[in-house]
């Protein structure tokens, strides 16, 4: 399954993405914001993760959709976005994402997030999307606000980052399906 935006293809992660994945994620400026991300990030880590994603795509019912973010002109993985961890009644899922630092501040993640929210509510029929973000990750917290997520609380000393071994407070953001049409309309202004 591939989702297309103006500049991007959101597509399944494939074996040929290993090198791009390992290169992009071997960056402490990215891994310090992601709970299960080791640092340094090696090709064997990328190989394991991609194989795991291929396996998860075959599960029934499917509860994990991770997409490679690919700029159409360069046809290479530059990040990943996913909606995962559905409960057994498909009521809610959790959003997660990262982007190669070379592509920050270009609106790429905003483009990807909007499409994944739409996919989650229209195709997966989710009623809610949760978005946990380290409290000090200002950029991701700003994205949550931009897309109309409501801050539902802060979980104190809730997550240990594998890359840094630091324990972080996490902001828990939520977006309801019924809120999305109005928010989406406001994004177009």
N, C-alpha and C. Protein backbone atom coordinates (compact mmCIF):
# COMPACT_ATOMS: atom_id res chain seq x y z
N UNK A 1 0.84 -1.18 0.00
CA UNK A 1 0.00 0.00 0.00
C UNK A 1 0.89 1.24 0.00
N UNK A 2 0.62 2.14 -0.90
CA UNK A 2 1.37 3.39 -1.02
C UNK A 2 0.40 4.56 -0.95
N UNK A 3 0.79 5.59 -0.22
CA UNK A 3 0.01 6.82 -0.10
C UNK A 3 0.84 7.92 -0.74
N UNK A 4 0.19 8.70 -1.59
CA UNK A 4 0.91 9.74 -2.32
C UNK A 4 0.49 11.12 -1.84
N UNK A 5 1.46 12.02 -1.72
CA UNK A 5 1.20 13.43 -1.45
C UNK A 5 1.80 14.22 -2.62
N UNK A 6 1.77 15.52 -2.51
CA UNK A 6 2.33 16.35 -3.58
C UNK A 6 3.80 16.02 -3.85
N UNK A 7 4.61 15.90 -2.78
CA UNK A 7 6.04 15.67 -2.95
C UNK A 7 6.52 14.28 -2.55
N UNK A 8 5.65 13.52 -1.87
CA UNK A 8 6.10 12.29 -1.20
C UNK A 8 5.37 11.04 -1.65
N UNK A 9 6.05 9.92 -1.46
CA UNK A 9 5.42 8.61 -1.47
C UNK A 9 5.60 8.04 -0.07
N UNK A 10 4.52 7.61 0.53
CA UNK A 10 4.56 6.89 1.80
C UNK A 10 4.30 5.45 1.41
N UNK A 11 5.33 4.63 1.51
CA UNK A 11 5.27 3.27 0.97
C UNK A 11 5.83 2.27 1.97
N UNK A 12 5.57 0.98 1.74
CA UNK A 12 6.13 -0.02 2.66
C UNK A 12 7.65 0.05 2.68
N UNK A 13 8.21 -0.23 3.83
CA UNK A 13 9.66 -0.31 3.98
C UNK A 13 10.11 -1.61 3.32
N UNK A 14 11.21 -1.53 2.56
CA UNK A 14 11.71 -2.71 1.85
C UNK A 14 13.20 -2.91 2.14
N UNK A 15 13.69 -4.09 1.77
CA UNK A 15 15.09 -4.45 2.06
C UNK A 15 16.08 -3.42 1.53
N UNK A 16 15.83 -2.84 0.37
CA UNK A 16 16.79 -1.89 -0.20
C UNK A 16 16.90 -0.59 0.62
N UNK A 17 16.03 -0.42 1.62
CA UNK A 17 16.06 0.76 2.48
C UNK A 17 17.08 0.65 3.61
N UNK A 18 17.69 -0.52 3.78
CA UNK A 18 18.58 -0.75 4.93
C UNK A 18 19.67 0.31 5.05
N UNK A 19 20.37 0.58 3.97
CA UNK A 19 21.48 1.53 4.03
C UNK A 19 21.00 2.94 4.37
N UNK A 20 19.93 3.40 3.72
CA UNK A 20 19.39 4.74 3.99
C UNK A 20 18.90 4.85 5.43
N UNK A 21 18.25 3.79 5.91
CA UNK A 21 17.74 3.77 7.27
C UNK A 21 18.89 3.85 8.28
N UNK A 22 19.90 3.00 8.08
CA UNK A 22 21.04 2.99 9.00
C UNK A 22 21.79 4.32 9.00
N UNK A 23 21.98 4.88 7.83
CA UNK A 23 22.71 6.15 7.72
C UNK A 23 21.95 7.29 8.41
N UNK A 24 20.65 7.39 8.15
CA UNK A 24 19.85 8.48 8.73
C UNK A 24 19.72 8.35 10.24
N UNK A 25 19.53 7.13 10.72
CA UNK A 25 19.28 6.95 12.16
C UNK A 25 20.55 6.90 13.00
N UNK A 26 21.69 6.85 12.37
CA UNK A 26 22.93 6.90 13.14
C UNK A 26 23.27 8.37 13.44
N UNK A 27 22.30 9.04 14.04
CA UNK A 27 22.38 10.47 14.33
C UNK A 27 21.74 10.69 15.70
N UNK A 28 22.51 11.08 16.66
CA UNK A 28 21.99 11.27 18.01
C UNK A 28 20.90 12.34 18.07
N UNK A 29 20.90 13.28 17.14
CA UNK A 29 19.85 14.31 17.13
C UNK A 29 18.48 13.74 16.79
N UNK A 30 18.45 12.56 16.20
CA UNK A 30 17.19 11.86 15.94
C UNK A 30 16.94 10.84 17.04
N UNK A 31 17.91 9.97 17.29
CA UNK A 31 17.69 8.85 18.21
C UNK A 31 17.41 9.30 19.65
N UNK A 32 17.84 10.48 20.03
CA UNK A 32 17.60 10.93 21.41
C UNK A 32 16.12 11.21 21.70
N UNK A 33 15.29 11.22 20.66
CA UNK A 33 13.86 11.49 20.85
C UNK A 33 13.00 10.23 20.70
N UNK A 34 13.61 9.07 20.46
CA UNK A 34 12.85 7.86 20.17
C UNK A 34 13.20 6.79 21.21
N UNK A 35 12.20 6.31 21.93
CA UNK A 35 12.43 5.38 23.04
C UNK A 35 13.28 4.17 22.64
N UNK A 36 12.88 3.37 21.63
CA UNK A 36 13.62 2.11 21.41
C UNK A 36 14.80 2.22 20.45
N UNK A 37 15.31 3.40 20.20
CA UNK A 37 16.33 3.58 19.17
C UNK A 37 17.74 3.50 19.76
N UNK A 38 18.54 2.52 19.32
CA UNK A 38 19.91 2.46 19.82
C UNK A 38 20.79 3.52 19.14
N UNK A 39 21.88 3.84 19.78
CA UNK A 39 22.89 4.70 19.17
C UNK A 39 24.26 4.19 19.60
N UNK A 40 25.16 3.91 18.72
CA UNK A 40 25.03 4.09 17.27
C UNK A 40 24.02 3.10 16.67
N UNK A 41 23.44 3.52 15.55
CA UNK A 41 22.47 2.69 14.82
C UNK A 41 23.22 2.08 13.64
N UNK A 42 23.25 0.76 13.61
CA UNK A 42 24.05 0.06 12.61
C UNK A 42 23.18 -0.61 11.56
N UNK A 43 23.83 -1.08 10.50
CA UNK A 43 23.10 -1.74 9.42
C UNK A 43 22.36 -2.98 9.93
N UNK A 44 22.92 -3.68 10.89
CA UNK A 44 22.24 -4.87 11.44
C UNK A 44 20.94 -4.46 12.16
N UNK A 45 20.92 -3.27 12.77
CA UNK A 45 19.70 -2.76 13.41
C UNK A 45 18.64 -2.47 12.34
N UNK A 46 19.06 -1.86 11.25
CA UNK A 46 18.14 -1.56 10.15
C UNK A 46 17.60 -2.85 9.54
N UNK A 47 18.48 -3.82 9.35
CA UNK A 47 18.08 -5.11 8.77
C UNK A 47 17.03 -5.79 9.66
N UNK A 48 17.28 -5.81 10.98
CA UNK A 48 16.32 -6.42 11.90
C UNK A 48 14.96 -5.70 11.84
N UNK A 49 14.99 -4.36 11.88
CA UNK A 49 13.74 -3.60 11.90
C UNK A 49 12.94 -3.81 10.62
N UNK A 50 13.61 -3.77 9.48
CA UNK A 50 12.91 -3.96 8.20
C UNK A 50 12.32 -5.37 8.13
N UNK A 51 13.08 -6.38 8.52
CA UNK A 51 12.54 -7.75 8.53
C UNK A 51 11.33 -7.86 9.44
N UNK A 52 11.38 -7.19 10.58
CA UNK A 52 10.25 -7.18 11.51
C UNK A 52 9.03 -6.51 10.88
N UNK A 53 9.24 -5.41 10.16
CA UNK A 53 8.12 -4.74 9.49
C UNK A 53 7.51 -5.61 8.40
N UNK A 54 8.34 -6.29 7.65
CA UNK A 54 7.84 -7.20 6.60
C UNK A 54 6.97 -8.29 7.23
N UNK A 55 7.43 -8.83 8.35
CA UNK A 55 6.67 -9.85 9.07
C UNK A 55 5.34 -9.28 9.58
N UNK A 56 5.37 -8.09 10.16
CA UNK A 56 4.15 -7.48 10.70
C UNK A 56 3.10 -7.19 9.62
N UNK A 57 3.56 -6.91 8.40
CA UNK A 57 2.60 -6.63 7.31
C UNK A 57 1.74 -7.85 7.00
N UNK A 58 2.21 -9.04 7.36
CA UNK A 58 1.48 -10.28 7.07
C UNK A 58 0.52 -10.69 8.18
N UNK A 59 0.59 -10.03 9.33
CA UNK A 59 -0.25 -10.41 10.47
C UNK A 59 -1.72 -10.10 10.19
N UNK A 60 -2.57 -10.95 10.73
CA UNK A 60 -4.02 -10.75 10.65
C UNK A 60 -4.58 -10.86 12.06
N UNK A 61 -5.29 -9.90 12.59
CA UNK A 61 -5.49 -8.58 11.98
C UNK A 61 -4.19 -7.76 12.07
N UNK A 62 -4.06 -6.90 11.13
CA UNK A 62 -2.87 -6.05 11.08
C UNK A 62 -3.03 -4.90 12.07
N UNK A 63 -2.01 -4.69 12.90
CA UNK A 63 -2.09 -3.63 13.93
C UNK A 63 -0.90 -2.67 13.84
N UNK A 64 -0.23 -2.67 12.70
CA UNK A 64 0.99 -1.89 12.57
C UNK A 64 1.17 -1.48 11.11
N UNK A 65 1.17 -0.19 10.86
CA UNK A 65 1.41 0.34 9.52
C UNK A 65 2.56 1.34 9.61
N UNK A 66 3.74 0.92 9.19
CA UNK A 66 4.88 1.83 9.10
C UNK A 66 5.17 2.07 7.62
N UNK A 67 5.39 3.33 7.29
CA UNK A 67 5.65 3.72 5.91
C UNK A 67 7.00 4.40 5.79
N UNK A 68 7.75 4.04 4.75
CA UNK A 68 8.95 4.80 4.40
C UNK A 68 8.48 6.13 3.84
N UNK A 69 9.13 7.20 4.21
CA UNK A 69 8.86 8.51 3.61
C UNK A 69 9.91 8.68 2.52
N UNK A 70 9.42 8.86 1.30
CA UNK A 70 10.31 8.97 0.14
C UNK A 70 9.97 10.23 -0.64
N UNK A 71 10.95 11.06 -0.89
CA UNK A 71 10.76 12.20 -1.79
C UNK A 71 10.66 11.64 -3.21
N UNK A 72 9.64 12.03 -3.95
CA UNK A 72 9.44 11.46 -5.28
C UNK A 72 10.68 11.56 -6.18
N UNK A 73 11.35 12.70 -6.26
CA UNK A 73 12.48 12.78 -7.19
C UNK A 73 13.67 11.88 -6.82
N UNK A 74 13.94 11.68 -5.51
CA UNK A 74 15.16 10.94 -5.19
C UNK A 74 14.95 9.45 -4.92
N UNK A 75 13.70 8.99 -4.76
CA UNK A 75 13.37 7.57 -4.61
C UNK A 75 14.18 6.87 -3.52
N UNK A 76 14.39 7.56 -2.41
CA UNK A 76 15.14 6.99 -1.28
C UNK A 76 14.40 7.28 0.02
N UNK A 77 14.53 6.38 0.96
CA UNK A 77 13.94 6.57 2.27
C UNK A 77 14.63 7.76 2.96
N UNK A 78 13.80 8.69 3.45
CA UNK A 78 14.35 9.84 4.19
C UNK A 78 13.74 9.92 5.59
N UNK A 79 12.86 9.00 5.90
CA UNK A 79 12.22 8.97 7.21
C UNK A 79 11.21 7.86 7.26
N UNK A 80 10.53 7.75 8.40
CA UNK A 80 9.50 6.74 8.59
C UNK A 80 8.37 7.38 9.39
N UNK A 81 7.15 7.00 9.03
CA UNK A 81 5.97 7.41 9.80
C UNK A 81 5.09 6.19 9.97
N UNK A 82 4.46 6.07 11.12
CA UNK A 82 3.63 4.90 11.35
C UNK A 82 2.47 5.16 12.27
N UNK A 83 1.45 4.32 12.10
CA UNK A 83 0.32 4.27 13.02
C UNK A 83 0.26 2.81 13.46
N UNK A 84 0.28 2.59 14.77
CA UNK A 84 0.46 1.22 15.25
C UNK A 84 -0.17 1.04 16.63
N UNK A 85 -0.12 -0.19 17.12
CA UNK A 85 -0.59 -0.49 18.47
C UNK A 85 -2.09 -0.37 18.63
N UNK A 86 -2.86 -0.76 17.61
CA UNK A 86 -4.31 -0.68 17.72
C UNK A 86 -4.78 -1.61 18.84
N UNK A 87 -5.85 -1.23 19.49
CA UNK A 87 -6.44 -2.18 20.43
C UNK A 87 -7.32 -3.14 19.64
N UNK A 88 -7.82 -4.18 20.30
CA UNK A 88 -8.54 -5.22 19.57
C UNK A 88 -9.86 -4.75 18.96
N UNK A 89 -10.35 -3.62 19.36
CA UNK A 89 -11.58 -3.09 18.77
C UNK A 89 -11.31 -1.99 17.76
N UNK A 90 -10.03 -1.75 17.42
CA UNK A 90 -9.63 -0.74 16.44
C UNK A 90 -10.18 0.64 16.77
N UNK A 91 -10.11 0.99 18.02
CA UNK A 91 -10.61 2.29 18.45
C UNK A 91 -9.53 3.35 18.31
N UNK A 92 -8.30 2.99 18.69
CA UNK A 92 -7.24 4.00 18.68
C UNK A 92 -5.92 3.36 18.23
N UNK A 93 -5.05 4.24 17.75
CA UNK A 93 -3.70 3.83 17.38
C UNK A 93 -2.73 4.89 17.85
N UNK A 94 -1.44 4.57 17.78
CA UNK A 94 -0.40 5.50 18.20
C UNK A 94 0.40 5.94 16.98
N UNK A 95 0.62 7.23 16.88
CA UNK A 95 1.39 7.81 15.79
C UNK A 95 2.85 7.97 16.21
N UNK A 96 3.75 7.65 15.30
CA UNK A 96 5.18 7.86 15.54
C UNK A 96 5.85 8.20 14.23
N UNK A 97 6.96 8.94 14.29
CA UNK A 97 7.64 9.37 13.07
C UNK A 97 9.04 9.86 13.38
N UNK A 98 9.86 9.89 12.36
CA UNK A 98 11.18 10.53 12.40
C UNK A 98 11.57 10.89 10.97
N UNK A 99 12.48 11.84 10.85
CA UNK A 99 12.92 12.32 9.53
C UNK A 99 14.42 12.57 9.57
N UNK A 100 15.11 12.16 8.51
CA UNK A 100 16.54 12.43 8.36
C UNK A 100 16.76 13.93 8.58
N UNK A 101 17.76 14.28 9.37
CA UNK A 101 17.99 15.68 9.75
C UNK A 101 18.21 16.59 8.54
N UNK A 102 18.72 16.05 7.44
CA UNK A 102 18.94 16.88 6.24
C UNK A 102 17.63 17.45 5.69
N UNK A 103 16.49 16.87 6.08
CA UNK A 103 15.20 17.26 5.52
C UNK A 103 14.31 17.99 6.53
N UNK A 104 14.85 18.35 7.68
CA UNK A 104 14.08 19.08 8.68
C UNK A 104 13.74 20.47 8.16
N UNK A 105 12.67 21.01 8.67
CA UNK A 105 12.23 22.40 8.41
C UNK A 105 11.88 22.66 6.95
N UNK A 106 11.37 21.63 6.25
CA UNK A 106 10.94 21.78 4.86
C UNK A 106 9.47 21.43 4.66
N UNK A 107 8.75 21.18 5.76
CA UNK A 107 7.34 20.84 5.67
C UNK A 107 7.07 19.40 5.28
N UNK A 108 8.11 18.60 5.18
CA UNK A 108 7.95 17.21 4.75
C UNK A 108 7.16 16.41 5.77
N UNK A 109 7.51 16.53 7.04
CA UNK A 109 6.80 15.75 8.05
C UNK A 109 5.35 16.20 8.16
N UNK A 110 5.09 17.48 8.02
CA UNK A 110 3.70 17.96 8.05
C UNK A 110 2.90 17.31 6.93
N UNK A 111 3.48 17.23 5.76
CA UNK A 111 2.82 16.60 4.61
C UNK A 111 2.50 15.13 4.90
N UNK A 112 3.45 14.44 5.50
CA UNK A 112 3.27 13.02 5.81
C UNK A 112 2.24 12.82 6.93
N UNK A 113 2.31 13.63 7.97
CA UNK A 113 1.39 13.49 9.10
C UNK A 113 -0.05 13.68 8.65
N UNK A 114 -0.30 14.70 7.84
CA UNK A 114 -1.67 14.95 7.40
C UNK A 114 -2.24 13.72 6.69
N UNK A 115 -1.45 13.11 5.81
CA UNK A 115 -1.93 11.93 5.07
C UNK A 115 -2.14 10.73 5.99
N UNK A 116 -1.28 10.55 6.98
CA UNK A 116 -1.42 9.41 7.88
C UNK A 116 -2.63 9.60 8.80
N UNK A 117 -2.90 10.82 9.22
CA UNK A 117 -4.11 11.07 10.01
C UNK A 117 -5.33 10.72 9.16
N UNK A 118 -5.35 11.20 7.94
CA UNK A 118 -6.48 10.91 7.04
C UNK A 118 -6.64 9.40 6.83
N UNK A 119 -5.55 8.71 6.57
CA UNK A 119 -5.55 7.25 6.39
C UNK A 119 -6.08 6.55 7.65
N UNK A 120 -5.64 6.99 8.80
CA UNK A 120 -6.03 6.36 10.07
C UNK A 120 -7.53 6.47 10.32
N UNK A 121 -8.09 7.64 10.03
CA UNK A 121 -9.51 7.84 10.28
C UNK A 121 -10.39 7.30 9.17
N UNK A 122 -9.98 7.45 7.92
CA UNK A 122 -10.85 7.02 6.82
C UNK A 122 -10.70 5.55 6.46
N UNK A 123 -9.48 5.05 6.36
CA UNK A 123 -9.26 3.67 5.93
C UNK A 123 -9.25 2.68 7.09
N UNK A 124 -8.58 3.05 8.18
CA UNK A 124 -8.49 2.14 9.32
C UNK A 124 -9.68 2.27 10.26
N UNK A 125 -10.45 3.33 10.08
CA UNK A 125 -11.66 3.57 10.89
C UNK A 125 -11.35 3.76 12.37
N UNK A 126 -10.18 4.29 12.67
CA UNK A 126 -9.84 4.58 14.06
C UNK A 126 -10.69 5.75 14.55
N UNK A 127 -10.93 5.77 15.84
CA UNK A 127 -11.70 6.86 16.45
C UNK A 127 -10.78 7.88 17.13
N UNK A 128 -9.51 7.45 17.38
CA UNK A 128 -8.59 8.33 18.09
C UNK A 128 -7.16 7.98 17.72
N UNK A 129 -6.31 9.00 17.69
CA UNK A 129 -4.88 8.81 17.50
C UNK A 129 -4.18 9.40 18.72
N UNK A 130 -3.32 8.60 19.33
CA UNK A 130 -2.49 9.07 20.44
C UNK A 130 -1.10 9.38 19.91
N UNK A 131 -0.47 10.36 20.51
CA UNK A 131 0.87 10.77 20.09
C UNK A 131 1.70 11.10 21.35
N UNK A 132 2.51 10.13 21.83
CA UNK A 132 3.38 10.42 22.97
C UNK A 132 4.68 11.07 22.47
N UNK A 133 5.07 12.14 23.12
CA UNK A 133 6.27 12.89 22.71
C UNK A 133 7.04 13.29 23.97
N UNK A 134 8.36 13.13 23.93
CA UNK A 134 9.16 13.61 25.06
C UNK A 134 8.85 15.09 25.28
N UNK A 135 8.66 15.47 26.52
CA UNK A 135 8.25 16.83 26.85
C UNK A 135 9.21 17.89 26.31
N UNK A 136 10.50 17.56 26.21
CA UNK A 136 11.49 18.54 25.75
C UNK A 136 11.68 18.54 24.23
N UNK A 137 10.94 17.71 23.50
CA UNK A 137 11.06 17.69 22.04
C UNK A 137 10.14 18.77 21.46
N UNK A 138 10.65 19.98 21.43
CA UNK A 138 9.85 21.14 21.03
C UNK A 138 9.28 21.04 19.63
N UNK A 139 10.05 20.53 18.69
CA UNK A 139 9.58 20.44 17.30
C UNK A 139 8.39 19.50 17.17
N UNK A 140 8.48 18.32 17.78
CA UNK A 140 7.36 17.37 17.68
C UNK A 140 6.14 17.85 18.46
N UNK A 141 6.37 18.50 19.60
CA UNK A 141 5.23 19.05 20.34
C UNK A 141 4.54 20.14 19.52
N UNK A 142 5.31 20.93 18.78
CA UNK A 142 4.72 21.96 17.92
C UNK A 142 3.91 21.33 16.79
N UNK A 143 4.40 20.23 16.23
CA UNK A 143 3.64 19.53 15.19
C UNK A 143 2.31 19.00 15.74
N UNK A 144 2.35 18.46 16.95
CA UNK A 144 1.11 17.97 17.56
C UNK A 144 0.08 19.10 17.66
N UNK A 145 0.52 20.26 18.11
CA UNK A 145 -0.38 21.42 18.22
C UNK A 145 -0.89 21.83 16.85
N UNK A 146 0.00 21.88 15.86
CA UNK A 146 -0.38 22.30 14.51
C UNK A 146 -1.51 21.44 13.96
N UNK A 147 -1.46 20.14 14.26
CA UNK A 147 -2.47 19.22 13.73
C UNK A 147 -3.65 19.01 14.65
N UNK A 148 -3.79 19.88 15.63
CA UNK A 148 -4.99 19.88 16.47
C UNK A 148 -5.03 18.83 17.55
N UNK A 149 -3.91 18.18 17.82
CA UNK A 149 -3.88 17.23 18.93
C UNK A 149 -4.06 18.02 20.23
N UNK A 150 -4.77 17.45 21.16
CA UNK A 150 -4.98 18.07 22.47
C UNK A 150 -4.03 17.42 23.47
N UNK A 151 -3.39 18.25 24.27
CA UNK A 151 -2.51 17.74 25.32
C UNK A 151 -3.39 17.14 26.41
N UNK A 152 -3.29 15.83 26.58
CA UNK A 152 -4.14 15.13 27.54
C UNK A 152 -3.46 14.93 28.88
N UNK A 153 -2.16 15.17 28.91
CA UNK A 153 -1.45 15.05 30.18
C UNK A 153 0.03 14.86 29.98
N UNK A 154 0.74 14.89 31.08
CA UNK A 154 2.18 14.65 31.08
C UNK A 154 2.43 13.46 32.00
N UNK A 155 3.13 12.47 31.47
CA UNK A 155 3.52 11.31 32.26
C UNK A 155 4.95 11.56 32.75
N UNK A 156 5.09 11.75 34.03
CA UNK A 156 6.38 12.10 34.61
C UNK A 156 7.31 10.90 34.64
N UNK A 157 8.57 11.15 34.22
CA UNK A 157 9.62 10.11 34.24
C UNK A 157 9.07 8.80 33.69
N UNK A 158 8.53 8.86 32.48
CA UNK A 158 7.77 7.74 31.91
C UNK A 158 8.53 6.89 30.89
N UNK A 159 9.57 7.43 30.28
CA UNK A 159 10.21 6.69 29.19
C UNK A 159 11.72 6.83 29.24
N UNK A 160 12.40 5.70 29.06
CA UNK A 160 13.86 5.71 28.99
C UNK A 160 14.26 5.60 27.52
N UNK A 161 15.07 6.53 27.09
CA UNK A 161 15.58 6.53 25.71
C UNK A 161 16.78 5.59 25.65
N UNK A 162 16.72 4.61 24.77
CA UNK A 162 17.81 3.65 24.65
C UNK A 162 19.11 4.31 24.20
N UNK A 163 19.02 5.28 23.31
CA UNK A 163 20.22 5.92 22.75
C UNK A 163 21.02 6.69 23.80
N UNK A 164 20.33 7.33 24.73
CA UNK A 164 21.01 8.17 25.72
C UNK A 164 20.94 7.62 27.14
N UNK A 165 20.05 6.67 27.35
CA UNK A 165 19.78 6.08 28.66
C UNK A 165 19.14 7.09 29.62
N UNK A 166 18.68 8.23 29.10
CA UNK A 166 18.02 9.24 29.94
C UNK A 166 16.54 8.91 30.07
N UNK A 167 15.99 9.26 31.23
CA UNK A 167 14.56 9.08 31.48
C UNK A 167 13.87 10.41 31.23
N UNK A 168 12.76 10.36 30.50
CA UNK A 168 12.06 11.57 30.08
C UNK A 168 10.63 11.61 30.57
N UNK A 169 10.15 12.84 30.78
CA UNK A 169 8.71 13.06 30.91
C UNK A 169 8.15 12.97 29.50
N UNK A 170 6.92 12.46 29.38
CA UNK A 170 6.27 12.39 28.07
C UNK A 170 4.96 13.16 28.08
N UNK A 171 4.79 13.99 27.06
CA UNK A 171 3.50 14.61 26.83
C UNK A 171 2.66 13.60 26.06
N UNK A 172 1.40 13.47 26.46
CA UNK A 172 0.49 12.57 25.76
C UNK A 172 -0.55 13.43 25.05
N UNK A 173 -0.52 13.35 23.73
CA UNK A 173 -1.43 14.11 22.89
C UNK A 173 -2.48 13.18 22.32
N UNK A 174 -3.67 13.69 22.08
CA UNK A 174 -4.73 12.89 21.48
C UNK A 174 -5.52 13.70 20.46
N UNK A 175 -5.95 13.00 19.42
CA UNK A 175 -6.78 13.61 18.37
C UNK A 175 -7.95 12.68 18.11
N UNK A 176 -9.16 13.21 18.19
CA UNK A 176 -10.37 12.43 17.92
C UNK A 176 -10.80 12.58 16.47
N UNK A 177 -11.34 11.51 15.93
CA UNK A 177 -11.81 11.52 14.55
C UNK A 177 -12.82 12.65 14.33
N UNK A 178 -13.70 12.86 15.28
CA UNK A 178 -14.74 13.89 15.11
C UNK A 178 -14.14 15.30 15.07
N UNK A 179 -12.93 15.50 15.60
CA UNK A 179 -12.28 16.81 15.58
C UNK A 179 -11.56 17.09 14.26
N UNK A 180 -11.22 16.02 13.54
CA UNK A 180 -10.35 16.14 12.38
C UNK A 180 -10.91 16.98 11.23
N UNK A 181 -12.18 16.85 10.83
CA UNK A 181 -12.66 17.65 9.68
C UNK A 181 -12.45 19.15 9.86
N UNK A 182 -12.75 19.67 11.04
CA UNK A 182 -12.59 21.10 11.29
C UNK A 182 -11.11 21.49 11.29
N UNK A 183 -10.28 20.66 11.89
CA UNK A 183 -8.84 20.93 11.93
C UNK A 183 -8.25 20.91 10.53
N UNK A 184 -8.63 19.90 9.75
CA UNK A 184 -8.13 19.76 8.38
C UNK A 184 -8.49 20.98 7.54
N UNK A 185 -9.69 21.46 7.71
CA UNK A 185 -10.15 22.64 6.99
C UNK A 185 -9.28 23.85 7.37
N UNK A 186 -8.94 23.99 8.64
CA UNK A 186 -8.10 25.09 9.11
C UNK A 186 -6.68 25.01 8.59
N UNK A 187 -6.18 23.81 8.29
CA UNK A 187 -4.82 23.65 7.76
C UNK A 187 -4.70 24.21 6.35
N UNK A 188 -5.78 24.22 5.62
CA UNK A 188 -5.77 24.66 4.21
C UNK A 188 -5.72 26.17 4.08
N UNK A 189 -5.95 26.91 5.17
CA UNK A 189 -5.96 28.37 5.11
C UNK A 189 -4.58 28.93 4.95
